[in-house]
Structure formats: C-alpha cells, structure tokens
Amino acid sequence: MGLHEDGCPGGSWRPFEPDMNKNNEFKPRDGYPAIRYHDSDTQVLIGDHVEFKLGLFFWKGWQKGRIYYVPGLSKEDDTFEHNRLMMVGIHDSRGGRSGHVVQPGSSRLRNNVRFVGRTDDSLGTTPPD
C-alpha cells in the first residue's frame, strides 16, 4: 500500500464535511457522542496529529500518527464500529493502521493515545470503502 503526497495510506479519498454545533465543535451523526482525548476536553477529529502506543509493541514507545477514522464523523465502517464498540483509526508514518477503543461510558480514548496538534492542511478525509 503506497502513501499519498500528504503521507496518508490508501487509494482515493472522500471529502470530510461534518456540521458544526453551537459550541463550535464538529457535530457527530445522530446517536453518536463527540469523542474526546483521555486527558482533555479536546474533540478527536480526522487529521489530528497524535502519539500512540500499541500494547504488543510497547517497547517502541510513543509513535507518531494521524487520525483517519472517527466514529460519528466518518462514513460508517464495520471495521471500527460493531455492536456499540467503537474505535478510532490511526495510521503511522510507515502506513500502518491501528484501531483504538473508545471507552463506552465516557466516550474518551484510553491514555495510550495523546493529542499532539491540529493543522489546517488537506487531511480532512476518510478512507474509501
């Protein structure tokens, strides 16, 4: 799987155009909570720069990545949403992908994902079906 010029894996990409709510946050689809990072009230959005750890590869330490799938904001995908279990999709700089569980009670990511920053660059998209 090759990388696009913006460093994102995959084929063609669809535009991401969610609605904004009254608090100037992106409004998820009906029935979905706004997902937040573990240690803050920052909403998880597609394209966010993050650092993450994978349980099996704990020895690698914090790895850099970008959010590419957010339940409620991205087009629904059974890979990341199943029987009320939701995961946020992250890809790393080598094109590897991983899913990170959203805690059902709090709608927050676990502490193995931390927010680094947000940019206005062109990654506001989700992968194709």
Foldseek 3Di string as FASTA:
>chain_A
DDADPVQADADDWDAFDADADPVRHGFFAPPDDFAEADPDRDGQAFFFWKWFADPVPCVVPTFIWTWAADHRRADDDCVADDPQWGWTWIAGNVNDIDTFTQDNPPNYTDNRMDTDGHDPDDRRTHHDD
